[in-house]
Amino acid sequence: MKLQLYNQSNAPEASKPLLEQSFKDFGMIPNLHAVMAESPGVLEAYKFLHQQFEKSDFNADELTIIWQTINVEHGCHYCVAAHTGIAHMMKVDASIIDALRNRTQMPTSKLQVLHQTTLELVRERGYLSEPSSAAFFEAGYNNQQLLEIVLGISQKVLSNYINHLAVTPVDKAFEEFSWAT
């Protein structure tokens, strides 16, 4: 199954202003947004979740760890490439970016705990073992941040699953960061 890529002229009416805003924000319409435009509610929900997650209590390195841990675990070719480019724009250390893409250790124990916690929440569908929970809090994270990981998972489930259905082509801006499982 392949879903259509929409633009401001052929999108459903309710999606047109959302795509116009995407163009203003990025100087292009990301292919993910172009696919999501089929359902205005989905595109609006995704954008809202993304904005809320960016406002979370995580710094750029931590946001990237959460996003990419989920993207890699879900095997999302589009999101791994896009978030690699975004991580570079956010000035995330290359060692973090490479470790996430290659499924290797994070450069610090605190970041490794964040990665492992996110991975366990994804794999266990929201369940977190007592030892993992203890490690998360001992690393200096808090309840708010635990809930915000779930917010990040919610955002990425939307994008990762839709990219699987649509076989969304990677945007030209991120082609150099292509990735495959």
N, C-alpha and C. Protein backbone atom coordinates (compact mmCIF):
# COMPACT_ATOMS: atom_id res chain seq x y z
N MET A 1 0.85 -1.17 0.00
CA MET A 1 0.00 0.00 0.00
C MET A 1 0.89 1.24 0.00
N LYS A 2 0.57 2.17 -0.83
CA LYS A 2 1.33 3.43 -0.87
C LYS A 2 0.34 4.58 -0.75
N LEU A 3 0.62 5.46 0.19
CA LEU A 3 -0.25 6.61 0.41
C LEU A 3 0.26 7.79 -0.41
N GLN A 4 -0.63 8.73 -0.68
CA GLN A 4 -0.33 9.88 -1.52
C GLN A 4 0.46 10.94 -0.74
N LEU A 5 1.32 11.64 -1.46
CA LEU A 5 2.01 12.82 -0.93
C LEU A 5 1.20 14.04 -1.36
N TYR A 6 0.67 14.77 -0.39
CA TYR A 6 -0.14 15.95 -0.69
C TYR A 6 0.69 17.22 -0.60
N ASN A 7 0.16 18.28 -1.23
CA ASN A 7 0.74 19.61 -1.11
C ASN A 7 -0.39 20.60 -0.85
N GLN A 8 -0.06 21.89 -0.81
CA GLN A 8 -1.07 22.89 -0.47
C GLN A 8 -2.19 22.97 -1.50
N SER A 9 -1.98 22.50 -2.72
CA SER A 9 -3.03 22.62 -3.74
C SER A 9 -3.95 21.40 -3.80
N ASN A 10 -3.45 20.21 -3.49
CA ASN A 10 -4.30 19.02 -3.65
C ASN A 10 -4.70 18.35 -2.33
N ALA A 11 -4.31 18.93 -1.21
CA ALA A 11 -4.62 18.35 0.10
C ALA A 11 -6.08 18.58 0.46
N PRO A 12 -6.62 17.75 1.34
CA PRO A 12 -7.95 18.06 1.88
C PRO A 12 -7.94 19.48 2.47
N GLU A 13 -9.06 20.17 2.37
CA GLU A 13 -9.14 21.57 2.78
C GLU A 13 -8.60 21.81 4.20
N ALA A 14 -8.97 20.95 5.13
CA ALA A 14 -8.55 21.15 6.52
C ALA A 14 -7.05 20.96 6.71
N SER A 15 -6.39 20.29 5.78
CA SER A 15 -4.94 20.08 5.86
C SER A 15 -4.14 21.21 5.23
N LYS A 16 -4.75 21.97 4.36
CA LYS A 16 -4.01 23.01 3.64
C LYS A 16 -3.32 24.02 4.56
N PRO A 17 -4.00 24.56 5.58
CA PRO A 17 -3.28 25.51 6.46
C PRO A 17 -2.17 24.83 7.27
N LEU A 18 -2.35 23.55 7.59
CA LEU A 18 -1.31 22.81 8.31
C LEU A 18 -0.08 22.63 7.43
N LEU A 19 -0.29 22.33 6.16
CA LEU A 19 0.83 22.19 5.23
C LEU A 19 1.49 23.54 4.96
N GLU A 20 0.69 24.59 4.89
CA GLU A 20 1.26 25.93 4.72
C GLU A 20 2.17 26.28 5.89
N GLN A 21 1.74 25.91 7.10
CA GLN A 21 2.57 26.17 8.28
C GLN A 21 3.85 25.32 8.24
N SER A 22 3.74 24.09 7.77
CA SER A 22 4.93 23.24 7.63
C SER A 22 5.92 23.88 6.68
N PHE A 23 5.41 24.41 5.58
CA PHE A 23 6.28 25.08 4.61
C PHE A 23 6.96 26.30 5.23
N LYS A 24 6.21 27.07 6.00
CA LYS A 24 6.78 28.24 6.68
C LYS A 24 7.84 27.81 7.69
N ASP A 25 7.58 26.74 8.41
CA ASP A 25 8.49 26.27 9.45
C ASP A 25 9.78 25.66 8.90
N PHE A 26 9.67 24.93 7.79
CA PHE A 26 10.81 24.15 7.29
C PHE A 26 11.33 24.58 5.92
N GLY A 27 10.63 25.48 5.26
CA GLY A 27 11.03 25.86 3.91
C GLY A 27 10.70 24.79 2.89
N MET A 28 9.96 23.81 3.32
CA MET A 28 9.51 22.70 2.47
C MET A 28 8.37 22.01 3.23
N ILE A 29 7.70 21.11 2.56
CA ILE A 29 6.72 20.28 3.25
C ILE A 29 7.38 18.92 3.43
N PRO A 30 7.74 18.56 4.67
CA PRO A 30 8.33 17.24 4.88
C PRO A 30 7.39 16.16 4.34
N ASN A 31 7.96 15.15 3.72
CA ASN A 31 7.14 14.09 3.14
C ASN A 31 6.23 13.42 4.18
N LEU A 32 6.68 13.34 5.42
CA LEU A 32 5.82 12.80 6.47
C LEU A 32 4.55 13.63 6.60
N HIS A 33 4.67 14.94 6.61
CA HIS A 33 3.50 15.81 6.71
C HIS A 33 2.64 15.67 5.46
N ALA A 34 3.28 15.53 4.30
CA ALA A 34 2.56 15.37 3.04
C ALA A 34 1.70 14.11 3.05
N VAL A 35 2.20 13.06 3.66
CA VAL A 35 1.43 11.81 3.77
C VAL A 35 0.32 11.96 4.81
N MET A 36 0.65 12.52 5.97
CA MET A 36 -0.33 12.68 7.04
C MET A 36 -1.48 13.58 6.65
N ALA A 37 -1.28 14.45 5.67
CA ALA A 37 -2.32 15.39 5.24
C ALA A 37 -3.59 14.69 4.77
N GLU A 38 -3.49 13.42 4.42
CA GLU A 38 -4.68 12.64 4.04
C GLU A 38 -5.75 12.73 5.14
N SER A 39 -5.27 12.78 6.38
CA SER A 39 -6.17 12.89 7.54
C SER A 39 -5.77 14.14 8.33
N PRO A 40 -6.51 15.23 8.16
CA PRO A 40 -6.15 16.47 8.86
C PRO A 40 -5.98 16.28 10.36
N GLY A 41 -6.80 15.46 10.97
CA GLY A 41 -6.70 15.23 12.41
C GLY A 41 -5.39 14.57 12.80
N VAL A 42 -4.91 13.66 11.97
CA VAL A 42 -3.64 12.98 12.23
C VAL A 42 -2.50 13.99 12.13
N LEU A 43 -2.49 14.79 11.08
CA LEU A 43 -1.42 15.77 10.91
C LEU A 43 -1.43 16.78 12.05
N GLU A 44 -2.60 17.25 12.42
CA GLU A 44 -2.69 18.21 13.51
C GLU A 44 -2.24 17.59 14.83
N ALA A 45 -2.65 16.36 15.09
CA ALA A 45 -2.25 15.68 16.33
C ALA A 45 -0.75 15.47 16.37
N TYR A 46 -0.17 15.05 15.26
CA TYR A 46 1.27 14.83 15.20
C TYR A 46 2.03 16.12 15.50
N LYS A 47 1.63 17.20 14.84
CA LYS A 47 2.31 18.47 15.05
C LYS A 47 2.19 18.91 16.52
N PHE A 48 1.01 18.71 17.11
CA PHE A 48 0.81 19.09 18.50
C PHE A 48 1.71 18.25 19.42
N LEU A 49 1.73 16.94 19.22
CA LEU A 49 2.59 16.08 20.04
C LEU A 49 4.05 16.47 19.90
N HIS A 50 4.47 16.77 18.68
CA HIS A 50 5.86 17.18 18.44
C HIS A 50 6.18 18.46 19.22
N GLN A 51 5.30 19.45 19.14
CA GLN A 51 5.53 20.71 19.85
C GLN A 51 5.60 20.49 21.37
N GLN A 52 4.70 19.66 21.88
CA GLN A 52 4.69 19.41 23.32
C GLN A 52 5.95 18.67 23.76
N PHE A 53 6.39 17.71 22.95
CA PHE A 53 7.59 16.96 23.33
C PHE A 53 8.82 17.86 23.30
N GLU A 54 8.90 18.76 22.34
CA GLU A 54 10.02 19.70 22.30
C GLU A 54 10.04 20.61 23.53
N LYS A 55 8.89 20.84 24.15
CA LYS A 55 8.80 21.68 25.36
C LYS A 55 9.08 20.87 26.63
N SER A 56 9.36 19.59 26.49
CA SER A 56 9.57 18.75 27.67
C SER A 56 10.82 19.18 28.44
N ASP A 57 11.09 18.45 29.50
CA ASP A 57 12.19 18.77 30.40
C ASP A 57 13.51 18.12 29.95
N PHE A 58 13.61 17.77 28.68
CA PHE A 58 14.82 17.14 28.15
C PHE A 58 15.61 18.12 27.30
N ASN A 59 16.94 17.99 27.33
CA ASN A 59 17.78 18.82 26.47
C ASN A 59 17.88 18.18 25.08
N ALA A 60 18.61 18.82 24.18
CA ALA A 60 18.71 18.35 22.79
C ALA A 60 19.26 16.93 22.70
N ASP A 61 20.29 16.62 23.49
CA ASP A 61 20.85 15.26 23.47
C ASP A 61 19.80 14.24 23.90
N GLU A 62 19.09 14.57 24.97
CA GLU A 62 18.10 13.63 25.51
C GLU A 62 16.89 13.47 24.59
N LEU A 63 16.41 14.58 23.99
CA LEU A 63 15.33 14.47 23.00
C LEU A 63 15.74 13.54 21.87
N THR A 64 16.97 13.73 21.38
CA THR A 64 17.47 12.90 20.28
C THR A 64 17.55 11.44 20.70
N ILE A 65 18.00 11.18 21.91
CA ILE A 65 18.10 9.80 22.38
C ILE A 65 16.72 9.15 22.41
N ILE A 66 15.75 9.85 22.91
CA ILE A 66 14.39 9.29 22.97
C ILE A 66 13.85 9.07 21.56
N TRP A 67 13.89 10.10 20.72
CA TRP A 67 13.39 9.96 19.35
C TRP A 67 14.08 8.82 18.60
N GLN A 68 15.40 8.83 18.60
CA GLN A 68 16.11 7.86 17.79
C GLN A 68 16.05 6.44 18.37
N THR A 69 15.98 6.31 19.68
CA THR A 69 15.82 4.99 20.26
C THR A 69 14.54 4.36 19.72
N ILE A 70 13.47 5.13 19.70
CA ILE A 70 12.18 4.64 19.21
C ILE A 70 12.25 4.39 17.71
N ASN A 71 12.79 5.35 16.96
CA ASN A 71 12.88 5.21 15.50
C ASN A 71 13.66 3.96 15.10
N VAL A 72 14.80 3.74 15.74
CA VAL A 72 15.64 2.58 15.41
C VAL A 72 14.93 1.29 15.81
N GLU A 73 14.35 1.26 16.99
CA GLU A 73 13.63 0.06 17.45
C GLU A 73 12.47 -0.28 16.51
N HIS A 74 11.78 0.75 16.03
CA HIS A 74 10.67 0.52 15.10
C HIS A 74 11.15 0.30 13.66
N GLY A 75 12.42 0.50 13.40
CA GLY A 75 12.96 0.31 12.05
C GLY A 75 12.41 1.31 11.05
N CYS A 76 12.27 2.56 11.46
CA CYS A 76 11.70 3.59 10.59
C CYS A 76 12.79 4.28 9.76
N HIS A 77 12.88 3.88 8.50
CA HIS A 77 13.90 4.43 7.59
C HIS A 77 13.79 5.95 7.46
N TYR A 78 12.57 6.46 7.42
CA TYR A 78 12.37 7.89 7.23
C TYR A 78 12.79 8.68 8.48
N CYS A 79 12.29 8.27 9.64
CA CYS A 79 12.54 9.04 10.87
C CYS A 79 13.98 8.96 11.34
N VAL A 80 14.65 7.82 11.13
CA VAL A 80 16.06 7.76 11.52
C VAL A 80 16.86 8.77 10.69
N ALA A 81 16.61 8.80 9.40
CA ALA A 81 17.32 9.76 8.53
C ALA A 81 16.99 11.19 8.92
N ALA A 82 15.70 11.49 9.07
CA ALA A 82 15.28 12.86 9.39
C ALA A 82 15.84 13.30 10.75
N HIS A 83 15.74 12.43 11.76
CA HIS A 83 16.22 12.84 13.08
C HIS A 83 17.74 12.86 13.18
N THR A 84 18.43 12.19 12.27
CA THR A 84 19.88 12.34 12.21
C THR A 84 20.21 13.76 11.75
N GLY A 85 19.53 14.20 10.69
CA GLY A 85 19.74 15.57 10.22
C GLY A 85 19.34 16.60 11.26
N ILE A 86 18.20 16.36 11.91
CA ILE A 86 17.73 17.28 12.95
C ILE A 86 18.72 17.33 14.11
N ALA A 87 19.25 16.18 14.49
CA ALA A 87 20.22 16.12 15.59
C ALA A 87 21.46 16.95 15.25
N HIS A 88 21.92 16.86 14.02
CA HIS A 88 23.06 17.68 13.61
C HIS A 88 22.70 19.17 13.71
N MET A 89 21.49 19.54 13.29
CA MET A 89 21.06 20.94 13.37
C MET A 89 20.96 21.39 14.83
N MET A 90 20.60 20.46 15.72
CA MET A 90 20.48 20.77 17.15
C MET A 90 21.84 20.72 17.85
N LYS A 91 22.89 20.43 17.08
CA LYS A 91 24.27 20.36 17.59
C LYS A 91 24.47 19.26 18.63
N VAL A 92 23.78 18.14 18.42
CA VAL A 92 23.96 16.95 19.26
C VAL A 92 25.31 16.34 18.90
N ASP A 93 26.03 15.90 19.90
CA ASP A 93 27.36 15.30 19.69
C ASP A 93 27.26 14.11 18.74
N ALA A 94 28.18 14.04 17.80
CA ALA A 94 28.19 12.97 16.79
C ALA A 94 28.29 11.58 17.42
N SER A 95 28.96 11.47 18.58
CA SER A 95 29.08 10.17 19.21
C SER A 95 27.71 9.64 19.65
N ILE A 96 26.82 10.53 20.05
CA ILE A 96 25.45 10.13 20.42
C ILE A 96 24.68 9.71 19.18
N ILE A 97 24.76 10.52 18.14
CA ILE A 97 24.05 10.23 16.89
C ILE A 97 24.49 8.86 16.35
N ASP A 98 25.79 8.64 16.28
CA ASP A 98 26.31 7.37 15.73
C ASP A 98 25.95 6.19 16.61
N ALA A 99 26.02 6.35 17.93
CA ALA A 99 25.67 5.24 18.83
C ALA A 99 24.22 4.83 18.65
N LEU A 100 23.34 5.80 18.49
CA LEU A 100 21.92 5.50 18.29
C LEU A 100 21.68 4.77 16.97
N ARG A 101 22.26 5.26 15.91
CA ARG A 101 22.08 4.64 14.59
C ARG A 101 22.67 3.23 14.53
N ASN A 102 23.76 3.03 15.29
CA ASN A 102 24.48 1.75 15.23
C ASN A 102 24.17 0.82 16.40
N ARG A 103 23.26 1.25 17.26
CA ARG A 103 22.85 0.44 18.42
C ARG A 103 24.03 0.08 19.33
N THR A 104 24.84 1.09 19.63
CA THR A 104 25.97 0.89 20.54
C THR A 104 25.76 1.75 21.78
N GLN A 105 26.66 1.64 22.73
CA GLN A 105 26.56 2.33 24.03
C GLN A 105 26.55 3.85 23.88
N MET A 106 25.79 4.49 24.73
CA MET A 106 25.81 5.95 24.83
C MET A 106 27.11 6.38 25.50
N PRO A 107 27.55 7.62 25.28
CA PRO A 107 28.84 8.06 25.83
C PRO A 107 28.86 8.25 27.35
N THR A 108 27.70 8.36 28.00
CA THR A 108 27.68 8.48 29.46
C THR A 108 26.68 7.50 30.04
N SER A 109 26.86 7.16 31.31
CA SER A 109 25.95 6.22 31.95
C SER A 109 24.55 6.82 32.08
N LYS A 110 24.43 8.12 32.34
CA LYS A 110 23.11 8.75 32.45
C LYS A 110 22.35 8.64 31.13
N LEU A 111 23.02 8.93 30.03
CA LEU A 111 22.36 8.84 28.72
C LEU A 111 22.04 7.39 28.36
N GLN A 112 22.88 6.46 28.80
CA GLN A 112 22.61 5.04 28.56
C GLN A 112 21.34 4.62 29.31
N VAL A 113 21.17 5.11 30.54
CA VAL A 113 19.96 4.80 31.31
C VAL A 113 18.72 5.35 30.59
N LEU A 114 18.81 6.56 30.05
CA LEU A 114 17.68 7.13 29.31
C LEU A 114 17.35 6.28 28.09
N HIS A 115 18.39 5.87 27.38
CA HIS A 115 18.20 5.01 26.21
C HIS A 115 17.54 3.69 26.60
N GLN A 116 18.06 3.05 27.63
CA GLN A 116 17.54 1.74 28.07
C GLN A 116 16.11 1.86 28.59
N THR A 117 15.81 2.93 29.31
CA THR A 117 14.45 3.14 29.82
C THR A 117 13.48 3.30 28.67
N THR A 118 13.84 4.13 27.69
CA THR A 118 12.99 4.33 26.52
C THR A 118 12.79 3.02 25.77
N LEU A 119 13.86 2.29 25.57
CA LEU A 119 13.79 1.02 24.86
C LEU A 119 12.89 0.03 25.58
N GLU A 120 13.02 -0.06 26.89
CA GLU A 120 12.18 -0.99 27.65
C GLU A 120 10.71 -0.57 27.58
N LEU A 121 10.43 0.71 27.69
CA LEU A 121 9.04 1.17 27.58
C LEU A 121 8.44 0.82 26.22
N VAL A 122 9.22 0.96 25.16
CA VAL A 122 8.73 0.61 23.82
C VAL A 122 8.52 -0.90 23.72
N ARG A 123 9.52 -1.67 24.08
CA ARG A 123 9.45 -3.12 23.93
C ARG A 123 8.40 -3.76 24.83
N GLU A 124 8.22 -3.20 26.02
CA GLU A 124 7.29 -3.79 26.99
C GLU A 124 5.95 -3.05 27.04
N ARG A 125 5.71 -2.21 26.04
CA ARG A 125 4.44 -1.51 25.88
C ARG A 125 4.01 -0.75 27.13
N GLY A 126 4.95 0.01 27.66
CA GLY A 126 4.66 0.90 28.78
C GLY A 126 5.00 0.33 30.15
N TYR A 127 5.40 -0.93 30.20
CA TYR A 127 5.81 -1.50 31.49
C TYR A 127 7.29 -1.26 31.69
N LEU A 128 7.65 -0.94 32.93
CA LEU A 128 9.04 -0.69 33.28
C LEU A 128 9.36 -1.50 34.53
N SER A 129 10.40 -2.31 34.44
CA SER A 129 10.77 -3.15 35.59
C SER A 129 11.24 -2.29 36.76
N GLU A 130 11.16 -2.84 37.93
CA GLU A 130 11.61 -2.13 39.14
C GLU A 130 13.09 -1.75 39.05
N PRO A 131 13.99 -2.68 38.62
CA PRO A 131 15.40 -2.27 38.51
C PRO A 131 15.61 -1.13 37.50
N SER A 132 14.88 -1.16 36.39
CA SER A 132 15.01 -0.08 35.39
C SER A 132 14.47 1.23 35.94
N SER A 133 13.37 1.17 36.64
CA SER A 133 12.79 2.36 37.26
C SER A 133 13.77 2.96 38.27
N ALA A 134 14.34 2.11 39.10
CA ALA A 134 15.31 2.59 40.10
C ALA A 134 16.52 3.23 39.42
N ALA A 135 17.03 2.61 38.36
CA ALA A 135 18.19 3.16 37.64
C ALA A 135 17.85 4.52 37.03
N PHE A 136 16.64 4.65 36.50
CA PHE A 136 16.19 5.91 35.89
C PHE A 136 16.23 7.04 36.92
N PHE A 137 15.65 6.79 38.08
CA PHE A 137 15.60 7.83 39.12
C PHE A 137 16.98 8.07 39.74
N GLU A 138 17.77 7.02 39.90
CA GLU A 138 19.14 7.18 40.44
C GLU A 138 20.02 7.99 39.49
N ALA A 139 19.71 7.94 38.19
CA ALA A 139 20.48 8.70 37.20
C ALA A 139 20.14 10.19 37.25
N GLY A 140 19.11 10.55 38.02
CA GLY A 140 18.76 11.96 38.16
C GLY A 140 17.50 12.38 37.43
N TYR A 141 16.83 11.43 36.80
CA TYR A 141 15.58 11.76 36.11
C TYR A 141 14.42 11.72 37.10
N ASN A 142 13.25 12.25 36.69
CA ASN A 142 12.11 12.36 37.59
C ASN A 142 10.82 11.83 36.95
N ASN A 143 9.75 11.89 37.73
CA ASN A 143 8.45 11.38 37.25
C ASN A 143 7.96 12.14 36.02
N GLN A 144 8.12 13.46 36.01
CA GLN A 144 7.70 14.24 34.85
C GLN A 144 8.39 13.71 33.59
N GLN A 145 9.67 13.49 33.68
CA GLN A 145 10.42 13.03 32.52
C GLN A 145 10.01 11.61 32.10
N LEU A 146 9.66 10.78 33.05
CA LEU A 146 9.18 9.44 32.71
C LEU A 146 7.90 9.54 31.88
N LEU A 147 7.01 10.42 32.30
CA LEU A 147 5.77 10.63 31.53
C LEU A 147 6.07 11.24 30.17
N GLU A 148 7.06 12.12 30.11
CA GLU A 148 7.40 12.76 28.84
C GLU A 148 8.02 11.77 27.85
N ILE A 149 8.66 10.72 28.34
CA ILE A 149 9.12 9.67 27.41
C ILE A 149 7.92 9.04 26.73
N VAL A 150 6.85 8.82 27.49
CA VAL A 150 5.63 8.25 26.90
C VAL A 150 5.05 9.20 25.85
N LEU A 151 5.13 10.50 26.10
CA LEU A 151 4.71 11.49 25.10
C LEU A 151 5.54 11.33 23.82
N GLY A 152 6.86 11.20 23.97
CA GLY A 152 7.73 11.00 22.80
C GLY A 152 7.39 9.71 22.06
N ILE A 153 7.09 8.65 22.81
CA ILE A 153 6.70 7.38 22.18
C ILE A 153 5.41 7.58 21.39
N SER A 154 4.47 8.31 21.95
CA SER A 154 3.20 8.56 21.26
C SER A 154 3.43 9.27 19.94
N GLN A 155 4.28 10.28 19.96
CA GLN A 155 4.60 11.01 18.74
C GLN A 155 5.23 10.08 17.70
N LYS A 156 6.18 9.28 18.14
CA LYS A 156 6.92 8.44 17.21
C LYS A 156 6.10 7.26 16.71
N VAL A 157 5.16 6.75 17.50
CA VAL A 157 4.28 5.69 17.00
C VAL A 157 3.51 6.23 15.79
N LEU A 158 2.99 7.45 15.90
CA LEU A 158 2.28 8.04 14.76
C LEU A 158 3.18 8.10 13.53
N SER A 159 4.33 8.69 13.67
CA SER A 159 5.18 8.87 12.49
C SER A 159 5.77 7.56 12.00
N ASN A 160 6.28 6.73 12.89
CA ASN A 160 6.92 5.48 12.47
C ASN A 160 5.93 4.56 11.77
N TYR A 161 4.76 4.37 12.36
CA TYR A 161 3.78 3.45 11.78
C TYR A 161 3.26 3.98 10.44
N ILE A 162 3.02 5.28 10.36
CA ILE A 162 2.55 5.86 9.10
C ILE A 162 3.63 5.74 8.02
N ASN A 163 4.89 5.94 8.39
CA ASN A 163 5.96 5.77 7.41
C ASN A 163 6.08 4.33 6.93
N HIS A 164 5.79 3.39 7.79
CA HIS A 164 5.79 1.98 7.36
C HIS A 164 4.68 1.75 6.34
N LEU A 165 3.48 2.26 6.64
CA LEU A 165 2.35 2.09 5.73
C LEU A 165 2.58 2.79 4.39
N ALA A 166 3.12 3.99 4.45
CA ALA A 166 3.25 4.83 3.26
C ALA A 166 4.53 4.59 2.48
N VAL A 167 5.50 3.93 3.10
CA VAL A 167 6.83 3.83 2.51
C VAL A 167 7.28 5.24 2.10
N THR A 168 7.20 6.13 3.06
CA THR A 168 7.46 7.55 2.83
C THR A 168 8.88 7.77 2.32
N PRO A 169 9.02 8.43 1.18
CA PRO A 169 10.37 8.71 0.70
C PRO A 169 11.08 9.72 1.61
N VAL A 170 12.35 9.47 1.85
CA VAL A 170 13.16 10.38 2.67
C VAL A 170 13.29 11.70 1.92
N ASP A 171 13.13 12.79 2.65
CA ASP A 171 13.25 14.12 2.05
C ASP A 171 14.67 14.33 1.54
N LYS A 172 14.79 15.06 0.44
CA LYS A 172 16.09 15.33 -0.16
C LYS A 172 17.07 15.89 0.88
N ALA A 173 16.58 16.74 1.78
CA ALA A 173 17.45 17.35 2.79
C ALA A 173 18.10 16.33 3.72
N PHE A 174 17.50 15.12 3.82
CA PHE A 174 18.01 14.12 4.75
C PHE A 174 18.54 12.86 4.06
N GLU A 175 18.58 12.85 2.73
CA GLU A 175 19.03 11.67 2.00
C GLU A 175 20.44 11.23 2.39
N GLU A 176 21.31 12.19 2.70
CA GLU A 176 22.67 11.84 3.08
C GLU A 176 22.73 11.05 4.39
N PHE A 177 21.64 11.06 5.15
CA PHE A 177 21.58 10.34 6.43
C PHE A 177 20.76 9.06 6.33
N SER A 178 20.54 8.59 5.11
CA SER A 178 19.74 7.38 4.91
C SER A 178 20.20 6.26 5.82
N TRP A 179 19.25 5.42 6.22
CA TRP A 179 19.50 4.36 7.18
C TRP A 179 18.59 3.20 6.86
N ALA A 180 19.07 2.00 7.06
CA ALA A 180 18.23 0.80 6.88
C ALA A 180 18.51 -0.17 8.00
N THR A 181 17.51 -0.95 8.35
CA THR A 181 17.67 -1.94 9.42
C THR A 181 18.59 -3.06 9.00
